[in-house]
Amino acid sequence: MIPLYKPYMPEVPLVDEILHSGQLAYGKYGKEFERLLREFFTVENLIVTNSYNLAILVSLSALGIQPGDTVIASPMACLTSTQPLLSAGINIRWGDVDPATGTLSPDSVLNLMPIKPKAIIHNHFCGFVGYVDEINEIGREYGVPVIDDCIEAFGSEYKGRKLGNTSAIQVSDITVFSFNAVRVPNTLDGGAIVFKSKELFEKSLLIRDAGIDRSCFRDSLGEINPDCDISLIGHSATMDEVKGYIGSRQMTKVDWILKRQRQNALAWDQILMNDDNLIPIKSKTCQPNYWVYGTLAKNKSEAIVRYRNKGFYASGVHINNNIYSVFKDKSRLPGVNEFNGRFVALPCGWWADIENADRI
């Protein structure tokens, strides 16, 4: 069966050398990975972290969001996106989603503004880009920062620009990416954060490294300098050299991976013209990365069983997080219910050759 997810791993000949080098902490390869990512997104204010969880936490800390504060988020997201918020003591109010895309509904977000949220976390569901201009305009109008949750949206484009590119006029304050094993690219685990603000970027460099300013942390003898103050609550979030090296190697193939996935999507477009049950998710303003190929089914369970019987691991991918008691918000959201009841993902990754899959 063709799987829905499959980790990509290029040749990594220097891993053993790095492991025995005595230099495993963030350094040469972590910085090289950051450089390649900055070139990919055409940005300057970008850092990498050792996990997506910590990428979220560093972002929240940079914004000064405190335990007890409230943020707006989408329940149609990976638990890896939403659980870190709870671990930081943050209250979540769920926004509804557009049932045609699974992404945050601007009207729903606008209706929640009276709760005075400290941030809007805008998930781009399974790589399908949401209402970027509309959500960012709400954030700007109310003075609320917007975090683009691109856990599955590396390489996805909105109006011709990659998510994370900060050259657009209407751009999010922070964009967060995941390099978990099944993401593109992957570093086994890891994350990256792009900041619109240079000030937040420079603050995040300290937060990522336990609040330490490395320029003064050691004295002339190499001892910890008592005159170097720690003024920020930080995290141990720097990326190690093995992950940095794997990420650097991944970046040599990421354009090819995205191209293959978009070719597979075009093949699915043609195939599903003859399927009365599945409707492809489409947008005039976005170019998904096609981490998966998203559809809306008239009969979800029938579609999943039928395509699995054909040898394609179809799945609903996520379930709406507002069903879980841990979040303490079981609001009934009609858009979420409709979308969750219809969404079916089909394999579309670099490993699949959909155009020549005779089993369809």
Protein backbone atom coordinates (compact mmCIF):
# COMPACT_ATOMS: atom_id res chain seq x y z
CA MET A 1 0.00 0.00 0.00
CA ILE A 2 1.25 3.50 -0.84
CA PRO A 3 1.61 5.26 2.55
CA LEU A 4 0.23 8.69 3.38
CA TYR A 5 3.54 9.72 5.02
CA LYS A 6 7.12 8.64 4.44
CA PRO A 7 10.26 10.30 5.86
CA TYR A 8 12.73 11.48 3.25
CA MET A 9 16.40 10.95 4.05
CA PRO A 10 19.24 11.96 1.71
CA GLU A 11 22.76 10.57 1.85
CA VAL A 12 24.35 11.79 5.11
CA PRO A 13 27.97 10.55 4.96
CA LEU A 14 29.32 12.83 7.72
CA VAL A 15 27.02 11.75 10.57
CA ASP A 16 29.58 9.39 12.12
CA GLU A 17 32.28 12.05 11.81
CA ILE A 18 30.07 14.60 13.58
CA LEU A 19 29.13 12.15 16.33
CA HIS A 20 32.80 11.60 17.16
CA SER A 21 33.95 15.19 16.63
CA GLY A 22 33.35 16.36 20.18
CA GLN A 23 31.28 19.23 18.75
CA LEU A 24 27.65 18.16 18.96
CA ALA A 25 25.93 21.34 20.16
CA TYR A 26 24.57 24.05 17.86
CA GLY A 27 27.39 25.32 15.66
CA LYS A 28 28.67 25.01 12.09
CA TYR A 29 25.88 22.83 10.67
CA GLY A 30 23.05 24.45 12.61
CA LYS A 31 24.13 27.82 11.24
CA GLU A 32 24.48 26.37 7.72
CA PHE A 33 20.93 25.01 7.91
CA GLU A 34 19.69 28.42 9.02
CA ARG A 35 21.53 30.06 6.11
CA LEU A 36 19.92 27.71 3.58
CA LEU A 37 16.48 28.31 5.06
CA ARG A 38 16.98 32.07 4.92
CA GLU A 39 17.87 31.77 1.24
CA PHE A 40 14.85 29.54 0.59
CA PHE A 41 12.41 32.02 2.17
CA THR A 42 14.40 35.17 1.23
CA VAL A 43 14.41 36.37 4.84
CA GLU A 44 16.94 37.42 7.49
CA ASN A 45 15.16 36.96 10.83
CA LEU A 46 15.06 33.15 11.09
CA ILE A 47 16.21 30.69 13.74
CA VAL A 48 16.08 26.90 14.02
CA THR A 49 15.13 24.94 17.13
CA ASN A 50 15.50 21.34 18.25
CA SER A 51 11.75 20.62 18.12
CA TYR A 52 8.50 22.09 16.87
CA ASN A 53 7.21 22.13 20.44
CA LEU A 54 10.03 24.46 21.45
CA ALA A 55 9.61 26.56 18.31
CA ILE A 56 6.06 27.30 19.52
CA LEU A 57 7.25 28.02 23.08
CA VAL A 58 10.08 30.31 21.95
CA SER A 59 7.59 32.22 19.79
CA LEU A 60 5.18 32.69 22.69
CA SER A 61 8.00 33.79 25.00
CA ALA A 62 9.29 36.29 22.43
CA LEU A 63 5.81 37.84 22.31
CA GLY A 64 5.68 38.02 26.10
CA ILE A 65 2.65 35.75 26.35
CA GLN A 66 2.25 34.61 29.96
CA PRO A 67 0.53 31.73 31.77
CA GLY A 68 -3.14 32.60 32.08
CA ASP A 69 -3.22 34.57 28.82
CA THR A 70 -5.66 33.54 26.09
CA VAL A 71 -4.99 32.83 22.43
CA ILE A 72 -7.27 31.97 19.52
CA ALA A 73 -6.42 28.76 17.66
CA SER A 74 -8.01 26.25 15.32
CA PRO A 75 -9.11 22.87 16.66
CA MET A 76 -8.45 21.41 13.19
CA ALA A 77 -4.72 21.11 13.83
CA CYS A 78 -2.13 18.58 14.92
CA LEU A 79 -1.90 18.07 18.69
CA THR A 80 1.78 18.97 18.31
CA SER A 81 0.57 22.50 17.49
CA THR A 82 -1.93 22.83 20.31
CA GLN A 83 -0.56 20.91 23.31
CA PRO A 84 2.49 23.21 23.74
CA LEU A 85 0.07 26.04 24.45
CA LEU A 86 -1.34 24.16 27.41
CA SER A 87 2.13 23.26 28.67
CA ALA A 88 2.83 27.00 28.87
CA GLY A 89 -0.32 27.58 30.94
CA ILE A 90 -2.10 29.38 28.10
CA ASN A 91 -5.86 29.30 27.66
CA ILE A 92 -7.15 28.37 24.20
CA ARG A 93 -10.37 29.62 22.63
CA TRP A 94 -11.23 27.73 19.51
CA GLY A 95 -12.09 29.56 16.32
CA ASP A 96 -14.30 27.89 13.75
CA VAL A 97 -13.01 26.91 10.31
CA ASP A 98 -14.20 27.32 6.76
CA PRO A 99 -15.75 23.91 5.98
CA ALA A 100 -14.41 24.13 2.43
CA THR A 101 -10.74 24.42 3.47
CA GLY A 102 -10.32 23.47 7.13
CA THR A 103 -8.57 26.78 7.84
CA LEU A 104 -9.56 29.49 10.33
CA SER A 105 -12.70 31.44 9.51
CA PRO A 106 -12.01 35.21 9.62
CA ASP A 107 -15.59 35.85 10.77
CA SER A 108 -15.12 33.45 13.66
CA VAL A 109 -11.85 35.11 14.67
CA LEU A 110 -13.45 38.55 14.47
CA ASN A 111 -16.31 37.40 16.71
CA LEU A 112 -13.77 36.30 19.35
CA MET A 113 -11.94 39.63 19.53
CA PRO A 114 -13.95 40.81 22.60
CA ILE A 115 -12.09 38.20 24.71
CA LYS A 116 -8.92 40.27 24.11
CA PRO A 117 -6.61 37.45 22.95
CA LYS A 118 -2.85 37.84 23.18
CA ALA A 119 -2.30 36.08 19.83
CA ILE A 120 -4.07 34.47 16.88
CA ILE A 121 -2.53 31.15 15.87
CA HIS A 122 -3.38 30.59 12.22
CA ASN A 123 -3.00 26.93 11.24
CA HIS A 124 -2.63 26.16 7.53
CA PHE A 125 -4.30 22.79 7.52
CA CYS A 126 -2.27 19.99 5.91
CA GLY A 127 -0.41 22.54 3.77
CA PHE A 128 -3.56 24.26 2.45
CA VAL A 129 -3.15 27.99 3.07
CA GLY A 130 -5.83 29.87 4.96
CA TYR A 131 -7.20 33.42 4.80
CA VAL A 132 -3.85 35.15 5.28
CA ASP A 133 -4.82 38.73 4.40
CA GLU A 134 -8.10 38.63 6.30
CA ILE A 135 -6.68 37.11 9.51
CA ASN A 136 -3.66 39.42 9.47
CA GLU A 137 -5.90 42.45 8.93
CA ILE A 138 -7.92 41.49 12.02
CA GLY A 139 -4.71 41.13 13.99
CA ARG A 140 -3.46 44.51 12.81
CA GLU A 141 -6.78 46.25 13.52
CA TYR A 142 -6.91 44.95 17.10
CA GLY A 143 -3.18 45.04 17.81
CA VAL A 144 -3.00 41.24 18.22
CA PRO A 145 0.03 39.37 16.81
CA VAL A 146 -0.59 36.55 14.35
CA ILE A 147 1.45 33.36 14.42
CA ASP A 148 1.28 31.32 11.21
CA ASP A 149 1.28 27.66 12.24
CA CYS A 150 2.96 26.05 9.24
CA ILE A 151 3.55 22.67 10.84
CA GLU A 152 2.58 20.98 7.54
CA ALA A 153 2.98 23.92 5.17
CA PHE A 154 6.69 24.23 4.36
CA GLY A 155 6.88 25.51 0.76
CA SER A 156 3.17 26.32 0.49
CA GLU A 157 2.59 29.63 -1.28
CA TYR A 158 0.08 32.45 -0.92
CA LYS A 159 -0.34 34.89 -3.80
CA GLY A 160 2.98 33.77 -5.27
CA ARG A 161 5.04 34.03 -2.05
CA LYS A 162 6.12 31.22 0.23
CA LEU A 163 4.60 31.27 3.69
CA GLY A 164 7.34 32.72 5.87
CA ASN A 165 8.46 35.26 3.29
CA THR A 166 8.24 38.64 5.02
CA SER A 167 8.36 40.88 1.93
CA ALA A 168 4.58 41.05 1.56
CA ILE A 169 2.82 44.14 2.88
CA GLN A 170 0.28 42.10 4.85
CA VAL A 171 2.49 39.55 6.58
CA SER A 172 2.15 37.57 9.80
CA ASP A 173 4.26 38.51 12.82
CA ILE A 174 5.72 35.04 13.29
CA THR A 175 5.79 31.91 11.11
CA VAL A 176 6.63 28.53 12.61
CA PHE A 177 7.70 25.39 10.69
CA SER A 178 8.14 21.77 11.74
CA PHE A 179 10.96 19.39 10.74
CA ASN A 180 9.43 16.31 12.35
CA ALA A 181 10.25 12.98 10.68
CA VAL A 182 7.22 13.03 8.35
CA ARG A 183 7.50 16.73 7.43
CA VAL A 184 9.33 18.27 4.48
CA PRO A 185 12.20 18.75 5.08
CA ASN A 186 12.89 16.68 8.20
CA THR A 187 15.72 16.73 10.72
CA LEU A 188 14.28 13.75 12.68
CA ASP A 189 12.74 16.48 14.83
CA GLY A 190 13.15 20.23 14.79
CA GLY A 191 11.58 23.54 13.94
CA ALA A 192 12.19 26.99 12.53
CA ILE A 193 10.77 30.41 13.31
CA VAL A 194 10.62 33.44 11.02
CA PHE A 195 10.09 36.84 12.64
CA LYS A 196 8.74 39.92 10.92
CA SER A 197 10.40 42.05 13.60
CA LYS A 198 14.17 42.20 13.99
CA GLU A 199 13.65 43.08 17.64
CA LEU A 200 11.71 39.86 18.28
CA PHE A 201 14.30 37.90 16.30
CA GLU A 202 17.16 39.20 18.44
CA LYS A 203 15.16 38.53 21.60
CA SER A 204 14.50 34.95 20.40
CA LEU A 205 18.24 34.27 20.09
CA LEU A 206 18.50 34.65 23.87
CA ILE A 207 15.25 32.85 24.63
CA ARG A 208 16.28 29.85 22.49
CA ASP A 209 19.49 29.49 24.53
CA ALA A 210 18.20 29.59 28.13
CA GLY A 211 18.29 33.41 28.12
CA ILE A 212 22.08 33.43 27.70
CA ASP A 213 23.95 36.19 25.90
CA ARG A 214 26.94 34.23 24.60
CA SER A 215 28.91 37.41 23.86
CA CYS A 216 29.50 37.96 27.58
CA PHE A 217 28.59 34.69 29.30
CA ARG A 218 32.22 33.58 29.72
CA ASP A 219 35.10 35.60 31.15
CA SER A 220 38.71 35.65 29.94
CA LEU A 221 39.38 32.33 31.72
CA GLY A 222 36.38 30.68 30.13
CA GLU A 223 34.47 30.70 33.42
CA ILE A 224 30.84 31.79 33.71
CA ASN A 225 30.83 35.56 34.08
CA PRO A 226 28.76 36.70 37.12
CA ASP A 227 28.38 40.13 35.51
CA CYS A 228 26.46 38.63 32.58
CA ASP A 229 22.83 38.95 33.63
CA ILE A 230 20.02 36.56 32.63
CA SER A 231 16.95 38.75 32.24
CA LEU A 232 14.66 36.57 30.12
CA ILE A 233 12.94 33.25 30.77
CA GLY A 234 14.44 30.97 28.16
CA HIS A 235 14.40 27.43 26.82
CA SER A 236 17.01 24.85 25.91
CA ALA A 237 15.98 24.91 22.27
CA THR A 238 19.15 25.11 20.17
CA MET A 239 19.47 22.55 17.37
CA ASP A 240 22.29 20.00 17.64
CA GLU A 241 24.85 19.49 14.86
CA VAL A 242 23.50 16.14 13.65
CA LYS A 243 20.07 17.65 13.04
CA GLY A 244 21.63 20.74 11.48
CA TYR A 245 23.68 18.58 9.11
CA ILE A 246 20.68 16.42 8.13
CA GLY A 247 18.64 19.59 7.55
CA SER A 248 21.36 21.07 5.35
CA ARG A 249 21.45 17.90 3.27
CA GLN A 250 17.64 17.87 3.04
CA MET A 251 17.65 21.38 1.61
CA THR A 252 19.54 20.15 -1.47
CA LYS A 253 16.44 18.12 -2.41
CA VAL A 254 13.54 20.17 -1.07
CA ASP A 255 12.72 21.85 -4.40
CA TRP A 256 12.64 18.45 -6.08
CA ILE A 257 10.37 17.07 -3.34
CA LEU A 258 7.91 19.96 -3.69
CA LYS A 259 7.92 19.61 -7.48
CA ARG A 260 7.19 15.86 -7.28
CA GLN A 261 4.35 16.42 -4.85
CA ARG A 262 2.76 19.05 -7.07
CA GLN A 263 3.09 16.72 -10.08
CA ASN A 264 1.29 14.04 -8.10
CA ALA A 265 -1.44 16.56 -7.25
CA LEU A 266 -1.98 17.28 -10.94
CA ALA A 267 -2.36 13.56 -11.54
CA TRP A 268 -4.93 13.31 -8.73
CA ASP A 269 -6.79 16.28 -10.28
CA GLN A 270 -7.28 14.27 -13.45
CA ILE A 271 -8.19 11.03 -11.71
CA LEU A 272 -10.79 12.59 -9.42
CA MET A 273 -12.65 14.13 -12.33
CA ASN A 274 -14.21 10.66 -12.56
CA ASP A 275 -14.94 10.26 -8.84
CA ASP A 276 -18.36 11.47 -7.76
CA ASN A 277 -17.55 11.05 -4.06
CA LEU A 278 -14.40 13.18 -3.69
CA ILE A 279 -14.06 16.91 -4.36
CA PRO A 280 -10.47 18.30 -4.35
CA ILE A 281 -9.75 21.23 -2.04
CA LYS A 282 -8.79 24.19 -4.22
CA SER A 283 -7.92 27.85 -3.74
CA LYS A 284 -7.30 30.60 -6.29
CA THR A 285 -4.79 32.36 -4.03
CA CYS A 286 -2.64 29.49 -2.77
CA GLN A 287 -0.31 26.82 -4.06
CA PRO A 288 -0.21 24.03 -1.45
CA ASN A 289 2.93 21.99 -0.85
CA TYR A 290 0.74 18.88 -1.22
CA TRP A 291 2.16 17.19 1.85
CA VAL A 292 -1.08 15.31 1.32
CA TYR A 293 -3.73 15.68 -1.37
CA GLY A 294 -6.83 17.05 0.37
CA THR A 295 -10.39 16.26 -0.63
CA LEU A 296 -13.93 16.62 0.71
CA ALA A 297 -15.98 13.44 0.56
CA LYS A 298 -19.71 13.01 0.31
CA ASN A 299 -19.17 9.77 2.24
CA LYS A 300 -15.91 9.87 4.22
CA SER A 301 -15.72 6.29 5.48
CA GLU A 302 -16.64 4.87 2.08
CA ALA A 303 -13.89 6.90 0.40
CA ILE A 304 -11.25 5.85 2.96
CA VAL A 305 -12.10 2.15 2.61
CA ARG A 306 -12.32 2.28 -1.19
CA TYR A 307 -8.95 3.96 -1.70
CA ARG A 308 -7.25 1.74 0.87
CA ASN A 309 -8.60 -1.26 -1.03
CA LYS A 310 -7.00 0.25 -4.13
CA GLY A 311 -3.65 0.43 -2.32
CA PHE A 312 -3.62 4.09 -1.21
CA TYR A 313 -3.60 4.82 2.52
CA ALA A 314 -6.40 7.38 2.66
CA SER A 315 -7.01 9.06 6.02
CA GLY A 316 -8.70 11.92 7.83
CA VAL A 317 -5.21 12.83 9.21
CA HIS A 318 -6.37 14.88 12.24
CA ILE A 319 -9.45 15.02 14.42
CA ASN A 320 -10.87 18.22 15.87
CA ASN A 321 -9.07 18.99 19.14
CA ASN A 322 -12.16 20.50 20.77
CA ILE A 323 -13.36 16.97 21.57
CA TYR A 324 -10.59 16.61 24.19
CA SER A 325 -11.31 17.54 27.82
CA VAL A 326 -7.72 18.72 28.38
CA PHE A 327 -8.43 21.89 26.38
CA LYS A 328 -11.45 22.85 28.50
CA ASP A 329 -13.33 24.23 25.51
CA LYS A 330 -15.79 21.88 23.85
CA SER A 331 -17.53 24.63 21.90
CA ARG A 332 -19.79 23.37 19.15
CA LEU A 333 -18.34 24.66 15.90
CA PRO A 334 -20.45 23.96 12.80
CA GLY A 335 -17.63 24.56 10.31
CA VAL A 336 -15.30 22.23 12.20
CA ASN A 337 -17.96 19.52 12.40
CA GLU A 338 -18.74 19.71 8.71
CA PHE A 339 -15.09 19.76 7.62
CA ASN A 340 -14.01 16.95 9.95
CA GLY A 341 -16.91 14.85 8.73
CA ARG A 342 -15.78 15.18 5.11
CA PHE A 343 -11.99 15.60 4.90
CA VAL A 344 -10.06 12.74 3.29
CA ALA A 345 -6.34 12.93 2.47
CA LEU A 346 -4.75 10.84 -0.27
CA PRO A 347 -1.01 10.06 -0.60
CA CYS A 348 0.75 12.72 -2.66
CA GLY A 349 4.34 12.62 -1.42
CA TRP A 350 7.60 12.34 -3.34
CA TRP A 351 7.56 8.52 -3.01
CA ALA A 352 4.27 8.10 -4.87
CA ASP A 353 4.03 7.94 -8.67
CA ILE A 354 0.34 8.73 -9.00
CA GLU A 355 0.42 9.34 -12.73
CA ASN A 356 1.53 5.76 -13.38
CA ALA A 357 -0.35 4.04 -10.58
CA ASP A 358 -2.34 1.43 -12.52
CA ARG A 359 -4.20 0.32 -9.37
CA ILE A 360 -6.43 3.43 -9.59
